[in-house]
Amino acid sequence: MLAIKQKLRLLSMTCAVPALMAGPAMADPSVGFGLSIKFGSGVVETGVGIRVFSDDEEDTGAASIGLDYMFQSQSWRGTVGVAYLGDNWFAGLDLGFGLSGSGMDFGVSLGGVDTEAPAAPPAPQQPAPYTF
């Protein structure tokens, strides 16, 4: 059973890393800090974490990868997930795995991130004057 969990963990990371790297070439990554709540094994835990997002544009979705410190178990938890980036804040859903071998779990996170406003559309061009 332990070997199966290790293989699933390796498979999830093997798939997640290329997926995060396949984002648009123009996207600027961003870093956020926040609070995390994990649900798994019949236990709810809280912690603090850091997230790296695939984009820094506000009012968009982004992929995330992160690391949490969970207070109750005093353990570290790696995460892979998705997040909504607002005006300098984020809300995320993630799949986590205990780095001390505690298995996979589900979590939510909320925190601050430095986002950029979307680029303004270009100004409309004036039509050429009509001449005879």
N, C-alpha and C. Protein backbone atom coordinates (compact mmCIF):
# COMPACT_ATOMS: atom_id res chain seq x y z
N MET A 1 0.83 -1.20 0.00
CA MET A 1 0.00 0.00 0.00
C MET A 1 0.87 1.25 0.00
N LEU A 2 1.96 1.25 0.75
CA LEU A 2 2.84 2.40 0.81
C LEU A 2 3.49 2.65 -0.55
N ALA A 3 3.85 1.58 -1.25
CA ALA A 3 4.47 1.73 -2.57
C ALA A 3 3.50 2.37 -3.55
N ILE A 4 2.22 2.06 -3.45
CA ILE A 4 1.22 2.65 -4.34
C ILE A 4 1.09 4.14 -4.06
N LYS A 5 1.08 4.54 -2.78
CA LYS A 5 1.00 5.96 -2.43
C LYS A 5 2.21 6.72 -2.96
N GLN A 6 3.40 6.12 -2.84
CA GLN A 6 4.60 6.77 -3.33
C GLN A 6 4.55 6.93 -4.84
N LYS A 7 4.04 5.93 -5.54
CA LYS A 7 3.94 6.02 -6.99
C LYS A 7 2.92 7.08 -7.40
N LEU A 8 1.79 7.17 -6.67
CA LEU A 8 0.80 8.20 -6.97
C LEU A 8 1.37 9.60 -6.73
N ARG A 9 2.11 9.76 -5.67
CA ARG A 9 2.73 11.05 -5.36
C ARG A 9 3.73 11.44 -6.46
N LEU A 10 4.55 10.48 -6.88
CA LEU A 10 5.52 10.74 -7.94
C LEU A 10 4.80 11.06 -9.25
N LEU A 11 3.74 10.33 -9.57
CA LEU A 11 2.98 10.57 -10.79
C LEU A 11 2.33 11.94 -10.77
N SER A 12 1.76 12.34 -9.63
CA SER A 12 1.10 13.66 -9.56
C SER A 12 2.11 14.78 -9.75
N MET A 13 3.28 14.68 -9.17
CA MET A 13 4.29 15.71 -9.34
C MET A 13 4.86 15.69 -10.76
N THR A 14 5.01 14.50 -11.34
CA THR A 14 5.53 14.39 -12.70
C THR A 14 4.58 15.05 -13.69
N CYS A 15 3.29 14.95 -13.44
CA CYS A 15 2.30 15.58 -14.32
C CYS A 15 2.13 17.06 -14.02
N ALA A 16 2.23 17.46 -12.77
CA ALA A 16 1.96 18.84 -12.37
C ALA A 16 3.05 19.81 -12.82
N VAL A 17 4.29 19.42 -12.70
CA VAL A 17 5.38 20.34 -13.03
C VAL A 17 5.34 20.75 -14.51
N PRO A 18 5.25 19.82 -15.47
CA PRO A 18 5.16 20.26 -16.87
C PRO A 18 3.89 21.07 -17.14
N ALA A 19 2.78 20.73 -16.49
CA ALA A 19 1.54 21.48 -16.71
C ALA A 19 1.70 22.92 -16.25
N LEU A 20 2.39 23.15 -15.15
CA LEU A 20 2.61 24.51 -14.67
C LEU A 20 3.57 25.29 -15.57
N MET A 21 4.51 24.56 -16.19
CA MET A 21 5.49 25.20 -17.05
C MET A 21 4.94 25.48 -18.44
N ALA A 22 3.81 24.90 -18.80
CA ALA A 22 3.26 25.04 -20.15
C ALA A 22 2.35 26.26 -20.29
N GLY A 23 2.38 27.18 -19.35
CA GLY A 23 1.55 28.37 -19.41
C GLY A 23 1.98 29.30 -20.52
N PRO A 24 1.24 30.37 -20.72
CA PRO A 24 1.58 31.32 -21.77
C PRO A 24 2.96 31.92 -21.55
N ALA A 25 3.66 32.19 -22.62
CA ALA A 25 5.02 32.73 -22.52
C ALA A 25 5.03 34.15 -21.97
N MET A 26 3.94 34.88 -22.10
CA MET A 26 3.89 36.26 -21.64
C MET A 26 3.47 36.38 -20.18
N ALA A 27 3.05 35.30 -19.55
CA ALA A 27 2.59 35.37 -18.16
C ALA A 27 3.78 35.58 -17.23
N ASP A 28 3.59 36.49 -16.28
CA ASP A 28 4.61 36.73 -15.26
C ASP A 28 4.20 35.98 -14.01
N PRO A 29 5.07 35.13 -13.48
CA PRO A 29 4.72 34.44 -12.23
C PRO A 29 4.67 35.42 -11.07
N SER A 30 3.98 35.03 -10.02
CA SER A 30 3.89 35.87 -8.82
C SER A 30 3.95 34.97 -7.59
N VAL A 31 4.28 35.58 -6.46
CA VAL A 31 4.42 34.86 -5.20
C VAL A 31 3.42 35.42 -4.21
N GLY A 32 2.75 34.52 -3.46
CA GLY A 32 1.79 34.95 -2.46
C GLY A 32 2.01 34.25 -1.13
N PHE A 33 1.56 34.88 -0.06
CA PHE A 33 1.64 34.32 1.29
C PHE A 33 0.23 34.31 1.87
N GLY A 34 -0.09 33.25 2.63
CA GLY A 34 -1.43 33.22 3.18
C GLY A 34 -1.68 32.13 4.19
N LEU A 35 -2.95 31.95 4.52
CA LEU A 35 -3.40 30.94 5.47
C LEU A 35 -3.94 29.74 4.69
N SER A 36 -3.75 28.55 5.23
CA SER A 36 -4.20 27.31 4.59
C SER A 36 -5.02 26.48 5.57
N ILE A 37 -6.00 25.79 5.03
CA ILE A 37 -6.78 24.83 5.80
C ILE A 37 -6.77 23.53 5.01
N LYS A 38 -6.38 22.43 5.63
CA LYS A 38 -6.35 21.15 4.93
C LYS A 38 -7.37 20.21 5.53
N PHE A 39 -7.94 19.39 4.66
CA PHE A 39 -8.94 18.40 5.04
C PHE A 39 -8.44 17.04 4.58
N GLY A 40 -8.28 16.11 5.49
CA GLY A 40 -7.83 14.78 5.10
C GLY A 40 -7.65 13.91 6.32
N SER A 41 -7.88 12.62 6.15
CA SER A 41 -7.72 11.63 7.23
C SER A 41 -8.61 11.95 8.42
N GLY A 42 -9.76 12.59 8.18
CA GLY A 42 -10.68 12.91 9.26
C GLY A 42 -10.22 14.03 10.17
N VAL A 43 -9.19 14.78 9.75
CA VAL A 43 -8.63 15.85 10.57
C VAL A 43 -8.64 17.15 9.75
N VAL A 44 -8.97 18.26 10.40
CA VAL A 44 -8.88 19.58 9.78
C VAL A 44 -7.73 20.31 10.47
N GLU A 45 -6.79 20.83 9.66
CA GLU A 45 -5.64 21.53 10.22
C GLU A 45 -5.50 22.90 9.57
N THR A 46 -4.91 23.82 10.30
CA THR A 46 -4.62 25.15 9.76
C THR A 46 -3.11 25.36 9.69
N GLY A 47 -2.72 26.25 8.82
CA GLY A 47 -1.31 26.54 8.67
C GLY A 47 -1.07 27.81 7.88
N VAL A 48 0.17 28.10 7.63
CA VAL A 48 0.57 29.23 6.80
C VAL A 48 1.35 28.69 5.62
N GLY A 49 1.30 29.42 4.51
CA GLY A 49 1.98 28.90 3.34
C GLY A 49 2.44 29.97 2.37
N ILE A 50 3.24 29.52 1.44
CA ILE A 50 3.73 30.35 0.34
C ILE A 50 3.31 29.67 -0.95
N ARG A 51 2.89 30.46 -1.94
CA ARG A 51 2.45 29.94 -3.22
C ARG A 51 3.16 30.69 -4.35
N VAL A 52 3.49 29.97 -5.41
CA VAL A 52 3.98 30.56 -6.64
C VAL A 52 2.89 30.33 -7.68
N PHE A 53 2.43 31.42 -8.29
CA PHE A 53 1.34 31.37 -9.26
C PHE A 53 1.89 31.52 -10.67
N SER A 54 1.20 30.92 -11.63
CA SER A 54 1.66 30.96 -13.02
C SER A 54 1.44 32.31 -13.68
N ASP A 55 0.71 33.21 -13.05
CA ASP A 55 0.41 34.51 -13.65
C ASP A 55 0.31 35.55 -12.52
N ASP A 56 0.38 36.82 -12.89
CA ASP A 56 0.24 37.87 -11.87
C ASP A 56 -0.86 38.86 -12.23
N GLU A 57 -1.69 38.54 -13.22
CA GLU A 57 -2.75 39.45 -13.65
C GLU A 57 -3.97 39.26 -12.76
N GLU A 58 -4.52 40.38 -12.24
CA GLU A 58 -5.67 40.28 -11.35
C GLU A 58 -6.95 39.92 -12.12
N ASP A 59 -7.90 39.38 -11.37
CA ASP A 59 -9.19 38.93 -11.90
C ASP A 59 -9.04 37.82 -12.92
N THR A 60 -8.09 36.90 -12.67
CA THR A 60 -7.88 35.74 -13.53
C THR A 60 -7.62 34.50 -12.68
N GLY A 61 -7.65 33.36 -13.31
CA GLY A 61 -7.27 32.11 -12.67
C GLY A 61 -5.81 31.80 -12.96
N ALA A 62 -5.19 31.03 -12.08
CA ALA A 62 -3.79 30.68 -12.27
C ALA A 62 -3.51 29.33 -11.62
N ALA A 63 -2.53 28.62 -12.14
CA ALA A 63 -2.05 27.40 -11.51
C ALA A 63 -1.12 27.79 -10.36
N SER A 64 -1.02 26.93 -9.36
CA SER A 64 -0.15 27.25 -8.23
C SER A 64 0.61 26.02 -7.75
N ILE A 65 1.74 26.30 -7.15
CA ILE A 65 2.54 25.28 -6.47
C ILE A 65 3.03 25.94 -5.19
N GLY A 66 3.04 25.20 -4.09
CA GLY A 66 3.38 25.86 -2.84
C GLY A 66 3.88 24.94 -1.75
N LEU A 67 4.09 25.54 -0.59
CA LEU A 67 4.57 24.85 0.59
C LEU A 67 3.89 25.44 1.81
N ASP A 68 3.29 24.58 2.64
CA ASP A 68 2.60 25.01 3.86
C ASP A 68 3.28 24.44 5.09
N TYR A 69 3.21 25.18 6.19
CA TYR A 69 3.58 24.65 7.50
C TYR A 69 2.29 24.51 8.29
N MET A 70 1.96 23.26 8.69
CA MET A 70 0.72 22.99 9.40
C MET A 70 0.99 23.02 10.91
N PHE A 71 0.21 23.83 11.64
CA PHE A 71 0.46 24.07 13.05
C PHE A 71 0.19 22.85 13.94
N GLN A 72 -0.95 22.18 13.77
CA GLN A 72 -1.33 21.08 14.67
C GLN A 72 -0.35 19.91 14.59
N SER A 73 0.00 19.50 13.38
CA SER A 73 0.91 18.35 13.24
C SER A 73 2.38 18.78 13.20
N GLN A 74 2.64 20.07 13.17
CA GLN A 74 3.99 20.61 13.08
C GLN A 74 4.76 19.95 11.94
N SER A 75 4.12 19.97 10.75
CA SER A 75 4.72 19.31 9.59
C SER A 75 4.62 20.20 8.36
N TRP A 76 5.38 19.85 7.34
CA TRP A 76 5.40 20.57 6.08
C TRP A 76 4.53 19.83 5.07
N ARG A 77 3.89 20.58 4.18
CA ARG A 77 2.96 20.02 3.20
C ARG A 77 3.18 20.72 1.86
N GLY A 78 3.51 19.95 0.84
CA GLY A 78 3.64 20.48 -0.51
C GLY A 78 2.27 20.55 -1.16
N THR A 79 2.05 21.51 -2.06
CA THR A 79 0.75 21.67 -2.70
C THR A 79 0.88 21.92 -4.20
N VAL A 80 -0.15 21.50 -4.92
CA VAL A 80 -0.33 21.80 -6.34
C VAL A 80 -1.80 22.14 -6.50
N GLY A 81 -2.13 23.25 -7.17
CA GLY A 81 -3.54 23.59 -7.28
C GLY A 81 -3.83 24.71 -8.25
N VAL A 82 -5.01 25.29 -8.07
CA VAL A 82 -5.47 26.42 -8.88
C VAL A 82 -5.94 27.52 -7.93
N ALA A 83 -5.92 28.75 -8.43
CA ALA A 83 -6.32 29.88 -7.59
C ALA A 83 -6.95 30.96 -8.44
N TYR A 84 -7.79 31.76 -7.79
CA TYR A 84 -8.33 32.98 -8.39
C TYR A 84 -7.51 34.13 -7.83
N LEU A 85 -6.98 34.97 -8.70
CA LEU A 85 -6.19 36.12 -8.28
C LEU A 85 -7.06 37.38 -8.39
N GLY A 86 -7.31 38.02 -7.26
CA GLY A 86 -8.07 39.26 -7.23
C GLY A 86 -7.12 40.45 -7.20
N ASP A 87 -7.58 41.56 -6.69
CA ASP A 87 -6.78 42.77 -6.58
C ASP A 87 -5.87 42.65 -5.35
N ASN A 88 -4.70 42.07 -5.54
CA ASN A 88 -3.69 41.83 -4.50
C ASN A 88 -4.14 40.81 -3.44
N TRP A 89 -4.99 39.84 -3.82
CA TRP A 89 -5.36 38.73 -2.94
C TRP A 89 -5.59 37.50 -3.80
N PHE A 90 -5.58 36.33 -3.16
CA PHE A 90 -5.87 35.10 -3.87
C PHE A 90 -6.72 34.18 -3.00
N ALA A 91 -7.46 33.30 -3.67
CA ALA A 91 -8.21 32.22 -3.02
C ALA A 91 -7.92 30.97 -3.85
N GLY A 92 -7.48 29.91 -3.18
CA GLY A 92 -7.06 28.73 -3.92
C GLY A 92 -7.61 27.42 -3.41
N LEU A 93 -7.63 26.44 -4.30
CA LEU A 93 -7.95 25.05 -4.00
C LEU A 93 -6.73 24.24 -4.38
N ASP A 94 -6.33 23.30 -3.51
CA ASP A 94 -5.13 22.55 -3.83
C ASP A 94 -5.19 21.11 -3.36
N LEU A 95 -4.33 20.33 -3.96
CA LEU A 95 -4.09 18.96 -3.57
C LEU A 95 -2.75 18.96 -2.86
N GLY A 96 -2.72 18.48 -1.63
CA GLY A 96 -1.49 18.52 -0.85
C GLY A 96 -0.99 17.14 -0.52
N PHE A 97 0.27 17.08 -0.17
CA PHE A 97 0.88 15.82 0.26
C PHE A 97 1.86 16.13 1.37
N GLY A 98 1.75 15.35 2.46
CA GLY A 98 2.63 15.55 3.60
C GLY A 98 4.05 15.14 3.27
N LEU A 99 4.99 16.02 3.51
CA LEU A 99 6.39 15.71 3.22
C LEU A 99 6.99 14.74 4.24
N SER A 100 6.26 14.48 5.34
CA SER A 100 6.72 13.50 6.32
C SER A 100 6.02 12.16 6.12
N GLY A 101 5.37 11.97 4.97
CA GLY A 101 4.73 10.71 4.66
C GLY A 101 3.31 10.57 5.15
N SER A 102 2.62 11.69 5.38
CA SER A 102 1.25 11.62 5.91
C SER A 102 0.20 11.41 4.84
N GLY A 103 0.56 11.35 3.58
CA GLY A 103 -0.39 11.07 2.51
C GLY A 103 -0.95 12.32 1.86
N MET A 104 -1.89 12.08 0.92
CA MET A 104 -2.49 13.17 0.16
C MET A 104 -3.75 13.68 0.83
N ASP A 105 -4.05 14.98 0.61
CA ASP A 105 -5.23 15.60 1.19
C ASP A 105 -5.69 16.75 0.30
N PHE A 106 -6.79 17.37 0.68
CA PHE A 106 -7.38 18.49 -0.04
C PHE A 106 -7.27 19.73 0.84
N GLY A 107 -7.10 20.89 0.23
CA GLY A 107 -7.00 22.10 1.03
C GLY A 107 -7.50 23.34 0.32
N VAL A 108 -7.72 24.39 1.10
CA VAL A 108 -8.07 25.71 0.59
C VAL A 108 -7.09 26.72 1.18
N SER A 109 -6.90 27.82 0.47
CA SER A 109 -5.98 28.84 0.96
C SER A 109 -6.50 30.22 0.58
N LEU A 110 -6.08 31.21 1.35
CA LEU A 110 -6.47 32.60 1.13
C LEU A 110 -5.31 33.47 1.60
N GLY A 111 -4.95 34.46 0.80
CA GLY A 111 -3.84 35.29 1.21
C GLY A 111 -3.61 36.46 0.28
N GLY A 112 -2.45 37.07 0.42
CA GLY A 112 -2.08 38.23 -0.38
C GLY A 112 -1.07 37.89 -1.45
N VAL A 113 -1.17 38.58 -2.57
CA VAL A 113 -0.25 38.41 -3.70
C VAL A 113 -0.18 39.72 -4.46
N ASP A 114 0.98 40.04 -4.99
CA ASP A 114 1.15 41.28 -5.75
C ASP A 114 0.68 41.04 -7.18
N THR A 115 -0.49 41.58 -7.53
CA THR A 115 -1.04 41.40 -8.87
C THR A 115 -0.93 42.68 -9.69
N GLU A 116 -1.04 42.52 -10.98
CA GLU A 116 -1.02 43.65 -11.92
C GLU A 116 -2.38 43.77 -12.57
N ALA A 117 -2.82 45.00 -12.79
CA ALA A 117 -4.09 45.23 -13.50
C ALA A 117 -3.95 44.76 -14.94
N PRO A 118 -5.03 44.28 -15.54
CA PRO A 118 -4.96 43.87 -16.94
C PRO A 118 -4.54 45.03 -17.83
N ALA A 119 -3.86 44.70 -18.91
CA ALA A 119 -3.41 45.73 -19.85
C ALA A 119 -4.61 46.42 -20.48
N ALA A 120 -4.50 47.73 -20.62
CA ALA A 120 -5.59 48.51 -21.23
C ALA A 120 -5.65 48.22 -22.73
N PRO A 121 -6.85 48.18 -23.29
CA PRO A 121 -6.94 47.95 -24.73
C PRO A 121 -6.36 49.14 -25.49
N PRO A 122 -5.87 48.92 -26.70
CA PRO A 122 -5.29 50.05 -27.45
C PRO A 122 -6.37 51.07 -27.81
N ALA A 123 -5.96 52.32 -27.92
CA ALA A 123 -6.89 53.40 -28.27
C ALA A 123 -7.39 53.19 -29.70
N PRO A 124 -8.65 53.53 -29.95
CA PRO A 124 -9.16 53.36 -31.32
C PRO A 124 -8.45 54.31 -32.29
N GLN A 125 -8.26 53.86 -33.50
CA GLN A 125 -7.59 54.66 -34.53
C GLN A 125 -8.60 55.59 -35.19
N GLN A 126 -8.19 56.80 -35.49
CA GLN A 126 -9.03 57.74 -36.21
C GLN A 126 -9.05 57.33 -37.68
N PRO A 127 -10.23 57.31 -38.29
CA PRO A 127 -10.26 56.97 -39.71
C PRO A 127 -9.61 58.08 -40.56
N ALA A 128 -9.07 57.69 -41.68
CA ALA A 128 -8.44 58.66 -42.59
C ALA A 128 -9.54 59.58 -43.14
N PRO A 129 -9.23 60.85 -43.28
CA PRO A 129 -10.25 61.77 -43.82
C PRO A 129 -10.59 61.39 -45.27
N TYR A 130 -11.86 61.58 -45.62
CA TYR A 130 -12.33 61.26 -46.96
C TYR A 130 -12.04 62.43 -47.89
N THR A 131 -11.34 62.17 -48.97
CA THR A 131 -11.01 63.22 -49.94
C THR A 131 -11.46 62.78 -51.32
N PHE A 132 -11.74 63.79 -52.18
CA PHE A 132 -12.14 63.50 -53.57
C PHE A 132 -10.96 63.52 -54.47
